N, C-alpha and C. Protein backbone atom coordinates (compact mmCIF):
# COMPACT_ATOMS: atom_id res chain seq x y z
N UNK A 1 61.13 -6.95 -20.03
CA UNK A 1 59.00 -6.12 -19.69
C UNK A 1 58.69 -6.17 -21.11
N UNK A 2 56.91 -6.31 -20.39
CA UNK A 2 56.67 -6.10 -21.52
C UNK A 2 56.32 -5.28 -21.98
N UNK A 3 55.78 -4.91 -24.02
CA UNK A 3 55.53 -3.49 -24.69
C UNK A 3 53.92 -3.09 -24.60
N UNK A 4 54.19 -1.39 -23.33
CA UNK A 4 52.87 -0.75 -23.34
C UNK A 4 51.87 -0.50 -24.20
N UNK A 5 52.25 -0.75 -25.33
CA UNK A 5 52.06 -0.23 -26.72
C UNK A 5 51.53 -1.86 -27.78
N UNK A 6 52.06 -2.86 -27.34
CA UNK A 6 51.15 -4.16 -27.95
C UNK A 6 49.96 -3.52 -28.66
N UNK A 7 49.41 -3.92 -29.84
CA UNK A 7 48.14 -3.50 -30.30
C UNK A 7 46.81 -4.47 -30.15
N UNK A 8 47.49 -5.53 -29.48
CA UNK A 8 46.67 -6.31 -28.59
C UNK A 8 46.09 -6.32 -27.39
N UNK A 9 46.88 -5.67 -26.78
CA UNK A 9 46.87 -5.61 -25.46
C UNK A 9 45.37 -3.82 -25.05
N UNK A 10 44.62 -4.40 -24.41
CA UNK A 10 43.45 -2.70 -24.53
C UNK A 10 44.44 -2.21 -22.99
N UNK A 11 43.79 -1.10 -23.35
CA UNK A 11 45.10 0.15 -23.25
C UNK A 11 44.44 0.74 -22.00
N UNK A 12 44.72 1.20 -21.28
CA UNK A 12 43.72 1.95 -20.01
C UNK A 12 43.89 4.04 -20.87
N UNK A 13 42.79 4.04 -21.26
CA UNK A 13 43.63 5.81 -21.01
C UNK A 13 44.31 6.41 -20.01
N UNK A 14 44.35 8.01 -20.35
CA UNK A 14 44.90 8.25 -19.51
C UNK A 14 44.45 9.62 -19.19
N UNK A 15 43.38 10.24 -21.15
CA UNK A 15 42.96 11.16 -20.61
C UNK A 15 41.18 10.82 -21.53
N UNK A 16 40.15 10.92 -21.11
CA UNK A 16 38.88 11.42 -21.21
C UNK A 16 38.40 11.79 -22.03
N UNK A 17 37.02 12.18 -22.72
CA UNK A 17 35.98 13.13 -22.85
C UNK A 17 35.06 13.49 -21.29
N UNK A 18 34.70 14.87 -21.41
CA UNK A 18 33.80 14.97 -20.97
C UNK A 18 32.33 14.20 -20.59
N UNK A 19 31.73 13.97 -21.69
CA UNK A 19 31.31 12.66 -21.12
C UNK A 19 32.00 11.67 -20.67
N UNK A 20 32.97 11.24 -20.40
CA UNK A 20 33.35 9.88 -20.57
C UNK A 20 32.84 10.56 -19.10
N UNK A 21 34.28 11.51 -18.91
CA UNK A 21 34.41 11.67 -17.35
C UNK A 21 32.80 11.74 -16.65
N UNK A 22 32.07 11.87 -17.24
CA UNK A 22 31.00 11.89 -16.39
C UNK A 22 30.24 10.87 -16.66
N UNK A 23 29.93 9.82 -16.43
CA UNK A 23 29.89 8.50 -16.30
C UNK A 23 31.03 7.86 -16.06
N UNK A 24 32.36 7.95 -15.87
CA UNK A 24 33.69 7.06 -14.71
C UNK A 24 33.16 7.73 -14.06
N UNK A 25 32.50 9.18 -12.97
CA UNK A 25 32.90 9.96 -12.13
C UNK A 25 31.44 9.59 -11.32
N UNK A 26 30.39 9.40 -12.15
CA UNK A 26 29.11 8.44 -11.62
C UNK A 26 27.99 10.24 -12.01
N UNK A 27 28.64 11.02 -11.91
CA UNK A 27 28.08 12.25 -11.68
C UNK A 27 27.36 12.91 -13.71
N UNK A 28 26.99 13.47 -13.65
CA UNK A 28 25.61 14.41 -14.40
C UNK A 28 26.59 15.30 -15.13
N UNK A 29 26.11 15.44 -16.93
CA UNK A 29 27.32 16.21 -17.20
C UNK A 29 26.82 17.48 -16.92
N UNK A 30 26.22 18.30 -16.18
CA UNK A 30 25.78 19.34 -15.73
C UNK A 30 27.38 19.70 -14.47
N UNK A 31 27.21 19.21 -14.46
CA UNK A 31 27.84 18.94 -12.59
C UNK A 31 29.14 18.69 -13.25
N UNK A 32 29.47 17.98 -13.71
CA UNK A 32 30.82 18.30 -14.37
C UNK A 32 31.52 19.24 -15.23
N UNK A 33 31.08 20.00 -15.70
CA UNK A 33 30.51 21.41 -16.77
C UNK A 33 31.02 21.68 -15.72
N UNK A 34 29.83 22.23 -14.88
CA UNK A 34 30.45 23.41 -13.57
C UNK A 34 31.58 23.32 -13.03
N UNK A 35 32.03 21.84 -12.27
CA UNK A 35 33.27 21.40 -11.90
C UNK A 35 34.86 22.73 -13.14
N UNK A 36 34.10 21.62 -13.92
CA UNK A 36 35.54 22.81 -15.31
C UNK A 36 35.38 23.92 -15.32
N UNK A 37 33.74 24.39 -15.17
CA UNK A 37 33.92 26.24 -15.53
C UNK A 37 34.46 26.82 -14.34
N UNK A 38 33.98 26.30 -12.57
CA UNK A 38 34.79 26.34 -11.51
C UNK A 38 36.42 26.79 -11.51
N UNK A 39 36.48 26.02 -12.25
CA UNK A 39 38.52 25.41 -12.26
C UNK A 39 38.51 24.24 -11.06
N UNK A 40 37.70 23.78 -10.62
CA UNK A 40 37.61 22.38 -9.52
C UNK A 40 38.38 21.40 -10.54
N UNK A 41 37.91 21.55 -11.77
CA UNK A 41 38.23 20.14 -12.08
C UNK A 41 39.09 20.78 -13.50
N UNK A 42 39.89 20.51 -13.79
CA UNK A 42 41.28 20.76 -14.49
C UNK A 42 41.18 19.61 -15.71
N UNK A 43 41.46 20.25 -17.06
CA UNK A 43 40.85 19.81 -18.59
C UNK A 43 41.98 20.12 -19.08
N UNK A 44 42.07 19.07 -20.62
CA UNK A 44 43.02 19.94 -21.53
C UNK A 44 42.02 20.23 -22.45
N UNK A 45 42.92 20.96 -23.62
CA UNK A 45 42.13 21.14 -24.28
C UNK A 45 43.34 21.23 -25.71
N UNK A 46 43.20 20.37 -26.83
CA UNK A 46 44.28 20.59 -27.64
C UNK A 46 43.13 20.62 -29.17
N UNK A 47 43.76 21.55 -29.61
CA UNK A 47 42.12 21.90 -30.88
C UNK A 47 40.76 22.42 -29.94
N UNK A 48 39.39 21.75 -31.05
CA UNK A 48 38.88 21.71 -30.47
C UNK A 48 38.01 21.33 -30.09
N UNK A 49 39.00 19.83 -29.08
CA UNK A 49 38.87 18.55 -28.15
C UNK A 49 39.03 19.05 -27.01
N UNK A 50 38.04 19.02 -25.51
CA UNK A 50 39.20 19.04 -24.29
C UNK A 50 38.54 17.58 -23.90
N UNK A 51 39.92 17.12 -22.97
CA UNK A 51 40.08 16.51 -22.47
C UNK A 51 40.21 16.51 -21.12
N UNK A 52 40.09 15.25 -20.05
CA UNK A 52 40.23 15.47 -18.51
C UNK A 52 41.00 14.36 -18.44
N UNK A 53 41.85 14.40 -17.62
CA UNK A 53 43.21 13.73 -17.03
C UNK A 53 42.33 12.32 -16.22
N UNK A 54 42.46 11.82 -16.26
CA UNK A 54 41.58 9.94 -16.00
C UNK A 54 41.68 10.41 -14.38
N UNK A 55 43.64 11.03 -13.87
CA UNK A 55 44.26 11.26 -12.81
C UNK A 55 43.37 11.72 -11.69
N UNK A 56 43.16 13.28 -12.43
CA UNK A 56 42.53 14.65 -12.48
C UNK A 56 40.66 14.09 -11.93
N UNK A 57 40.42 13.25 -12.77
CA UNK A 57 38.98 12.88 -12.45
C UNK A 57 39.29 12.53 -10.85
N UNK A 58 39.95 11.33 -10.51
CA UNK A 58 40.45 10.51 -8.71
C UNK A 58 40.42 12.02 -7.71
N UNK A 59 41.58 12.63 -8.54
CA UNK A 59 41.76 13.37 -7.22
C UNK A 59 40.95 15.08 -6.96
N UNK A 60 39.68 14.69 -8.04
CA UNK A 60 38.76 16.14 -7.20
C UNK A 60 37.13 14.35 -6.95
N UNK A 61 37.38 13.42 -7.64
CA UNK A 61 36.23 13.25 -6.69
C UNK A 61 36.70 13.11 -5.34
N UNK A 62 37.87 12.53 -4.48
CA UNK A 62 39.11 12.34 -3.97
C UNK A 62 38.25 13.68 -2.78
N UNK A 63 38.64 15.36 -3.20
CA UNK A 63 38.96 16.14 -3.10
C UNK A 63 37.26 16.82 -2.37
N UNK A 64 36.56 15.93 -2.87
CA UNK A 64 34.57 16.43 -3.04
C UNK A 64 34.25 15.08 -2.18
N UNK A 65 35.16 14.08 -1.38
CA UNK A 65 34.83 13.52 -0.65
C UNK A 65 34.65 13.73 0.88
N UNK A 66 33.62 13.65 1.65
CA UNK A 66 33.32 13.66 3.25
C UNK A 66 33.49 12.40 3.67
N UNK A 67 33.47 13.12 5.00
CA UNK A 67 33.66 11.98 6.17
C UNK A 67 32.08 11.49 6.37
N UNK A 68 32.84 10.25 7.86
CA UNK A 68 30.80 9.93 7.81
C UNK A 68 30.23 11.03 8.85
N UNK A 69 29.60 10.81 9.28
CA UNK A 69 28.90 12.17 9.73
C UNK A 69 29.07 11.20 11.92
N UNK A 70 28.96 12.42 12.33
CA UNK A 70 28.81 12.31 13.62
C UNK A 70 27.58 12.32 14.12
């Protein structure tokens, strides 16, 4: 099994800043911060830094997905 912490191997982040989360989700910062404020999108606070798990972004997008129009 390969070492997941190899220094030359690009790592996929497990958590990102709110600005990066908005970019990944394809939404504006205002929309993302509104979701954080409402509690729709969970985040992690470490010191002064706020992080959002990439999995949480995917789950948030899935919860807001709409089906085909009839």
